[in-house]
């Protein structure tokens, strides 16, 4: 019975929930654990009640980390409440808080120093440049296949973004050249990883630990003292685009964020940027203090004023809270969600 149910659950996640292969595999693993626990208790899936679910969650809390409990409880709710439609059962997915990590972005000089340190290793150089120039997440980079790279248009297709989303992101000629150099040196992969863009010396698709390790190694070789980890390239990518005065919608299209307020939490200004903004306020001539700007009639719309508000934020004239309030107003929303967490490191 459990085997038949597992197959139907797998089919449902793939066809109805549009979950990717990695997610399905993880959920099936947790389902197997649950069935094994039920078997030890001499219970079947038909015997499951709220009390039994609670007992299993307590059992898991004594044995697994909080991060593992997130996926365990998420799978239980997906399996029991959504798939089997057990409305009599309530399952709260365990929440984790964002780690307290240094969010200071890398400077352009630091980024280039890491590139220079990695230039003798085609794989590592291509990984570092793809992380920085695309701004993609670590898991997205690992999932890349060779066919996802569009060298002609300098774009990469991200097929397995957060929440199983799909998008196309820009890269530079420098990044494309690094990837081409890697492909020229890329060894013959093991069976099953023939399509993988990045493979390790073991000829298999690279792992999260591999990316984490090389980031630390090349940061050290570049003499960077601040804490550097893979996601810091995403923070740096977003911050550098913001400092170059790109429109928030343009940044959002590149990064794949659904919520602008979430995207804003990635932007961490350098001390040099703050200093320039400070000088604009306090060290200019009195004659330059007051500026007026009457927008052309064709620009008097919500998007125009969002752009003005975002520029004021970049120039240090308003804080994040004020920016969020202004964006909400221009969107025609009356309420601000104060419950949003800093999820830049999820």
Protein backbone atom coordinates (compact mmCIF):
# COMPACT_ATOMS: atom_id res chain seq x y z
CA UNK A 1 0.00 0.00 0.00
CA UNK A 2 2.75 2.42 0.96
CA UNK A 3 4.59 1.82 -2.32
CA UNK A 4 1.47 2.51 -4.37
CA UNK A 5 0.71 5.62 -2.31
CA UNK A 6 4.29 6.83 -2.72
CA UNK A 7 4.07 6.50 -6.50
CA UNK A 8 0.81 8.43 -6.61
CA UNK A 9 2.30 11.10 -4.32
CA UNK A 10 5.33 11.40 -6.61
CA UNK A 11 3.11 11.77 -9.66
CA UNK A 12 0.96 14.38 -7.89
CA UNK A 13 3.99 16.50 -6.87
CA UNK A 14 5.37 16.40 -10.41
CA UNK A 15 2.15 16.95 -12.37
CA UNK A 16 -0.05 18.98 -10.03
CA UNK A 17 2.44 20.88 -7.87
CA UNK A 18 5.07 21.31 -10.60
CA UNK A 19 7.86 20.44 -8.13
CA UNK A 20 11.30 19.90 -9.63
CA UNK A 21 13.16 16.60 -9.46
CA UNK A 22 15.27 17.65 -6.49
CA UNK A 23 12.23 18.67 -4.41
CA UNK A 24 10.35 15.49 -5.26
CA UNK A 25 13.31 13.34 -4.26
CA UNK A 26 13.64 15.14 -0.91
CA UNK A 27 9.92 14.86 -0.13
CA UNK A 28 9.91 11.14 -0.95
CA UNK A 29 12.85 10.60 1.40
CA UNK A 30 10.94 12.22 4.26
CA UNK A 31 7.83 10.24 3.34
CA UNK A 32 9.86 7.03 3.57
CA UNK A 33 11.08 8.05 7.05
CA UNK A 34 7.49 8.66 8.15
CA UNK A 35 6.26 5.31 6.82
CA UNK A 36 9.14 3.50 8.53
CA UNK A 37 8.26 5.17 11.85
CA UNK A 38 4.60 4.16 11.42
CA UNK A 39 5.65 0.58 10.73
CA UNK A 40 7.68 0.43 13.96
CA UNK A 41 4.59 1.65 15.79
CA UNK A 42 2.52 -1.02 13.99
CA UNK A 43 0.41 1.68 12.38
CA UNK A 44 -0.70 2.35 8.81
CA UNK A 45 -1.35 5.62 7.01
CA UNK A 46 -5.07 5.10 7.63
CA UNK A 47 -4.46 5.10 11.39
CA UNK A 48 -2.88 8.57 11.38
CA UNK A 49 -4.51 11.13 13.67
CA UNK A 50 -3.47 14.51 14.99
CA UNK A 51 -1.98 12.87 18.09
CA UNK A 52 0.09 10.48 15.97
CA UNK A 53 1.39 13.35 13.83
CA UNK A 54 2.31 15.30 16.96
CA UNK A 55 4.13 12.26 18.36
CA UNK A 56 6.13 11.91 15.15
CA UNK A 57 7.12 15.59 15.16
CA UNK A 58 8.28 15.29 18.78
CA UNK A 59 10.27 12.20 17.78
CA UNK A 60 11.91 14.12 14.93
CA UNK A 61 12.71 17.15 17.10
CA UNK A 62 14.77 14.89 19.38
CA UNK A 63 16.84 13.60 16.47
CA UNK A 64 17.15 16.21 13.73
CA UNK A 65 18.36 19.77 13.30
CA UNK A 66 15.97 22.66 12.93
CA UNK A 67 16.80 22.97 9.24
CA UNK A 68 15.88 19.32 8.66
CA UNK A 69 12.67 19.80 10.62
CA UNK A 70 11.61 22.47 8.14
CA UNK A 71 11.48 19.98 5.27
CA UNK A 72 10.10 17.17 7.48
CA UNK A 73 7.10 19.25 8.58
CA UNK A 74 6.65 20.77 5.12
CA UNK A 75 6.42 17.28 3.64
CA UNK A 76 3.99 16.09 6.31
CA UNK A 77 1.65 18.97 5.52
CA UNK A 78 2.01 18.43 1.78
CA UNK A 79 1.39 14.67 2.09
CA UNK A 80 -1.40 14.62 4.65
CA UNK A 81 -3.22 17.92 4.30
CA UNK A 82 -2.84 18.72 0.60
CA UNK A 83 -2.41 15.32 -1.08
CA UNK A 84 -4.56 13.11 1.16
CA UNK A 85 -6.85 16.05 2.04
CA UNK A 86 -6.84 15.35 5.79
CA UNK A 87 -8.45 18.59 6.89
CA UNK A 88 -8.74 17.23 10.44
CA UNK A 89 -4.95 17.41 10.81
CA UNK A 90 -3.04 20.63 11.46
CA UNK A 91 0.69 20.82 10.82
CA UNK A 92 2.78 23.92 11.34
CA UNK A 93 5.94 24.07 9.26
CA UNK A 94 8.99 24.76 11.45
CA UNK A 95 10.46 28.20 10.80
CA UNK A 96 14.13 29.10 10.91
CA UNK A 97 15.62 32.53 11.51
CA UNK A 98 18.20 34.11 9.21
CA UNK A 99 21.78 33.63 10.36
CA UNK A 100 23.62 36.65 11.75
CA UNK A 101 26.20 37.09 9.04
CA UNK A 102 28.29 39.93 7.76
CA UNK A 103 26.30 41.47 4.92
CA UNK A 104 28.93 43.95 3.78
CA UNK A 105 29.22 43.63 -0.01
CA UNK A 106 32.52 43.07 -1.73
CA UNK A 107 34.10 46.04 -3.44
CA UNK A 108 34.85 45.86 -7.14
CA UNK A 109 38.54 45.70 -6.26
CA UNK A 110 37.93 42.70 -4.00
CA UNK A 111 35.87 40.94 -6.66
CA UNK A 112 38.60 41.48 -9.25
CA UNK A 113 41.24 40.28 -6.79
CA UNK A 114 39.35 37.00 -6.37
CA UNK A 115 39.05 36.64 -10.15
CA UNK A 116 42.79 37.21 -10.47
CA UNK A 117 43.55 34.60 -7.81
CA UNK A 118 41.41 32.02 -9.65
CA UNK A 119 42.55 32.71 -13.22
CA UNK A 120 44.77 29.59 -13.39
CA UNK A 121 41.82 27.31 -12.60
CA UNK A 122 39.19 27.46 -15.42
CA UNK A 123 36.45 25.83 -13.34
CA UNK A 124 36.84 28.04 -10.30
CA UNK A 125 37.22 31.21 -12.35
CA UNK A 126 34.05 30.42 -14.31
CA UNK A 127 32.10 29.69 -11.10
CA UNK A 128 33.18 32.92 -9.39
CA UNK A 129 32.41 35.05 -12.43
CA UNK A 130 29.03 33.40 -12.96
CA UNK A 131 28.10 34.00 -9.31
CA UNK A 132 29.01 37.68 -9.51
CA UNK A 133 27.89 38.66 -13.00
CA UNK A 134 24.59 36.74 -12.94
CA UNK A 135 23.69 37.24 -9.27
CA UNK A 136 22.14 33.79 -9.19
CA UNK A 137 21.78 31.66 -6.09
CA UNK A 138 24.19 28.84 -5.27
CA UNK A 139 21.61 26.12 -5.93
CA UNK A 140 20.68 27.74 -9.25
CA UNK A 141 24.32 27.70 -10.36
CA UNK A 142 24.73 24.04 -9.42
CA UNK A 143 21.67 23.10 -11.50
CA UNK A 144 22.92 24.80 -14.68
CA UNK A 145 23.29 22.68 -17.81
CA UNK A 146 25.46 23.52 -20.82
CA UNK A 147 22.36 24.20 -22.91
CA UNK A 148 21.31 26.95 -20.48
CA UNK A 149 24.12 29.24 -21.68
CA UNK A 150 23.24 31.57 -24.58
CA UNK A 151 26.63 32.89 -25.68
CA UNK A 152 25.22 34.84 -28.62
CA UNK A 153 22.87 36.95 -26.49
CA UNK A 154 24.99 36.81 -23.30
CA UNK A 155 22.22 35.27 -21.21
CA UNK A 156 21.76 32.29 -18.91
CA UNK A 157 18.48 30.46 -18.45
CA UNK A 158 17.75 29.68 -14.79
CA UNK A 159 15.32 26.76 -14.90
CA UNK A 160 15.18 25.84 -11.22
CA UNK A 161 14.96 29.14 -9.37
CA UNK A 162 13.56 29.52 -5.90
CA UNK A 163 9.97 28.31 -5.88
CA UNK A 164 10.56 26.41 -9.15
CA UNK A 165 10.61 29.66 -11.13
CA UNK A 166 12.12 30.23 -14.58
CA UNK A 167 13.99 33.33 -15.76
CA UNK A 168 16.74 34.57 -18.10
CA UNK A 169 19.59 36.59 -16.64
CA UNK A 170 22.29 38.70 -18.23
CA UNK A 171 26.03 38.01 -18.12
CA UNK A 172 29.04 39.92 -19.44
CA UNK A 173 31.46 39.04 -22.22
CA UNK A 174 34.07 38.43 -19.51
CA UNK A 175 31.80 35.87 -17.84
CA UNK A 176 30.98 34.20 -21.17
CA UNK A 177 34.69 33.95 -21.99
CA UNK A 178 35.41 32.32 -18.61
CA UNK A 179 32.66 29.75 -19.23
CA UNK A 180 34.04 29.01 -22.72
CA UNK A 181 37.53 28.49 -21.27
CA UNK A 182 36.04 26.07 -18.74
CA UNK A 183 34.13 24.15 -21.41
CA UNK A 184 37.38 23.75 -23.37
CA UNK A 185 39.02 22.19 -20.30
CA UNK A 186 35.94 20.33 -19.00
CA UNK A 187 36.63 16.57 -18.54
CA UNK A 188 34.33 13.81 -19.71
CA UNK A 189 31.54 13.60 -17.10
CA UNK A 190 30.23 10.50 -15.39
CA UNK A 191 27.02 8.94 -16.67
CA UNK A 192 24.03 10.97 -15.54
CA UNK A 193 25.89 14.29 -15.45
CA UNK A 194 26.58 14.66 -19.18
CA UNK A 195 24.52 17.88 -19.39
CA UNK A 196 25.93 19.52 -16.23
CA UNK A 197 27.75 22.79 -16.91
CA UNK A 198 30.01 22.64 -13.87
CA UNK A 199 31.52 19.30 -12.85
CA UNK A 200 34.24 18.58 -10.30
CA UNK A 201 37.45 16.54 -10.62
CA UNK A 202 35.28 13.55 -9.76
CA UNK A 203 33.46 14.22 -13.06
CA UNK A 204 30.14 14.76 -11.29
CA UNK A 205 27.99 17.88 -10.93
CA UNK A 206 29.56 20.21 -8.37
CA UNK A 207 28.18 20.38 -4.82
CA UNK A 208 27.28 23.23 -2.49
CA UNK A 209 30.32 22.44 -0.36
CA UNK A 210 32.60 22.80 -3.38
CA UNK A 211 31.32 26.32 -4.09
CA UNK A 212 31.54 27.26 -0.42
CA UNK A 213 35.12 26.02 -0.19
CA UNK A 214 36.47 27.76 -3.29
CA UNK A 215 34.88 31.07 -2.29
CA UNK A 216 36.71 30.92 1.04
CA UNK A 217 39.97 29.85 -0.59
CA UNK A 218 40.09 32.63 -3.16
CA UNK A 219 38.93 35.27 -0.70
CA UNK A 220 41.89 34.32 1.47
CA UNK A 221 44.27 34.34 -1.52
CA UNK A 222 42.98 37.80 -2.45
CA UNK A 223 43.73 39.05 1.06
CA UNK A 224 40.09 39.83 1.89
CA UNK A 225 39.60 40.01 5.65
CA UNK A 226 35.80 40.26 5.76
CA UNK A 227 33.69 37.10 5.84
CA UNK A 228 33.04 35.83 2.31
CA UNK A 229 30.52 33.13 1.39
CA UNK A 230 28.71 32.27 -1.88
CA UNK A 231 25.57 34.29 -1.20
CA UNK A 232 27.68 37.40 -0.67
CA UNK A 233 28.21 37.48 -4.45
CA UNK A 234 24.43 37.86 -4.85
CA UNK A 235 24.37 40.67 -2.29
CA UNK A 236 27.31 42.32 -4.04
CA UNK A 237 25.74 41.91 -7.49
CA UNK A 238 22.51 43.58 -6.38
CA UNK A 239 24.27 46.35 -4.46
CA UNK A 240 26.55 47.23 -7.37
CA UNK A 241 23.57 47.46 -9.74
CA UNK A 242 21.75 49.69 -7.26
CA UNK A 243 24.79 51.93 -6.83
CA UNK A 244 24.95 52.27 -10.62
CA UNK A 245 21.38 53.66 -10.45
CA UNK A 246 19.66 50.79 -12.23
CA UNK A 247 15.90 50.87 -11.96
CA UNK A 248 14.53 48.61 -9.22
CA UNK A 249 12.41 46.75 -11.80
CA UNK A 250 15.53 46.04 -13.86
CA UNK A 251 17.29 44.62 -10.81
CA UNK A 252 14.21 42.56 -9.94
CA UNK A 253 14.13 41.02 -13.45
CA UNK A 254 17.76 39.94 -13.06
CA UNK A 255 17.50 38.53 -9.54
CA UNK A 256 14.07 36.88 -9.75
CA UNK A 257 12.67 38.41 -6.54
CA UNK A 258 8.87 38.41 -6.40
CA UNK A 259 8.69 41.16 -3.76
CA UNK A 260 10.55 44.47 -4.12
CA UNK A 261 10.71 44.87 -0.32
CA UNK A 262 12.56 41.54 -0.08
CA UNK A 263 14.95 42.68 -2.81
CA UNK A 264 15.69 45.91 -0.91
CA UNK A 265 17.03 43.93 2.03
CA UNK A 266 19.91 42.76 -0.12
CA UNK A 267 21.26 46.23 -0.82
CA UNK A 268 24.14 47.06 1.52
CA UNK A 269 25.93 50.30 0.74
CA UNK A 270 29.69 50.67 0.86
CA UNK A 271 31.27 53.32 3.07
CA UNK A 272 32.42 55.13 -0.09
CA UNK A 273 28.83 55.38 -1.36
CA UNK A 274 27.62 56.64 2.00
CA UNK A 275 30.43 59.22 2.08
CA UNK A 276 29.50 60.55 -1.36
CA UNK A 277 25.86 60.84 -0.31
CA UNK A 278 26.93 62.60 2.89
CA UNK A 279 29.01 65.12 0.94
CA UNK A 280 26.08 65.84 -1.37
CA UNK A 281 24.03 66.87 1.66
CA UNK A 282 26.55 68.70 3.83
CA UNK A 283 29.43 69.88 1.66
CA UNK A 284 27.77 71.57 -1.27
CA UNK A 285 27.28 75.31 -1.71
CA UNK A 286 24.19 76.91 -0.28
CA UNK A 287 23.10 77.88 -3.76
CA UNK A 288 22.92 74.19 -4.68
CA UNK A 289 20.93 73.02 -1.67
CA UNK A 290 17.47 73.58 -3.10
CA UNK A 291 16.63 71.76 -6.31
CA UNK A 292 13.26 71.72 -7.98
CA UNK A 293 12.12 69.32 -10.64
CA UNK A 294 8.85 69.41 -12.44
CA UNK A 295 8.36 66.14 -14.23
CA UNK A 296 7.01 66.25 -17.76
CA UNK A 297 3.33 65.50 -17.94
CA UNK A 298 4.10 62.19 -19.66
CA UNK A 299 6.08 61.07 -16.57
CA UNK A 300 3.44 61.80 -13.94
CA UNK A 301 2.65 58.15 -13.21
CA UNK A 302 3.31 55.62 -10.46
CA UNK A 303 6.43 54.12 -12.07
CA UNK A 304 8.01 57.56 -12.44
CA UNK A 305 7.51 58.40 -8.77
CA UNK A 306 8.74 54.95 -7.73
CA UNK A 307 11.93 55.72 -9.61
CA UNK A 308 12.26 59.08 -7.84
CA UNK A 309 11.68 57.43 -4.45
CA UNK A 310 14.25 54.73 -5.17
CA UNK A 311 16.82 57.37 -6.20
CA UNK A 312 16.23 59.26 -2.96
CA UNK A 313 16.90 56.03 -1.07
CA UNK A 314 20.12 55.43 -3.00
CA UNK A 315 21.22 59.00 -2.27
CA UNK A 316 20.58 58.52 1.45
CA UNK A 317 17.74 61.06 1.62
CA UNK A 318 15.18 58.57 2.96
CA UNK A 319 15.46 55.30 4.90
CA UNK A 320 14.14 51.84 3.96
CA UNK A 321 10.97 52.19 5.99
CA UNK A 322 10.06 55.41 4.24
CA UNK A 323 10.88 53.89 0.84
CA UNK A 324 8.62 50.89 1.52
CA UNK A 325 5.80 53.22 2.57
CA UNK A 326 6.20 55.26 -0.60
CA UNK A 327 6.26 52.17 -2.81
CA UNK A 328 3.14 50.82 -1.10
CA UNK A 329 1.40 54.15 -1.70
CA UNK A 330 2.33 54.29 -5.38
CA UNK A 331 1.08 50.70 -5.76
CA UNK A 332 -2.23 51.75 -4.27
CA UNK A 333 -1.85 49.61 -1.16
CA UNK A 334 -2.96 50.95 2.20
CA UNK A 335 -1.32 48.48 4.55
CA UNK A 336 2.34 47.65 5.08
CA UNK A 337 3.31 44.13 5.99
CA UNK A 338 5.48 44.57 9.09
CA UNK A 339 6.00 40.82 9.40
CA UNK A 340 8.48 40.50 6.54
CA UNK A 341 11.67 38.86 7.73
CA UNK A 342 15.19 39.37 6.47
CA UNK A 343 15.43 36.36 4.18
CA UNK A 344 18.52 37.43 2.23
CA UNK A 345 20.29 34.29 3.43
CA UNK A 346 17.61 31.68 2.88
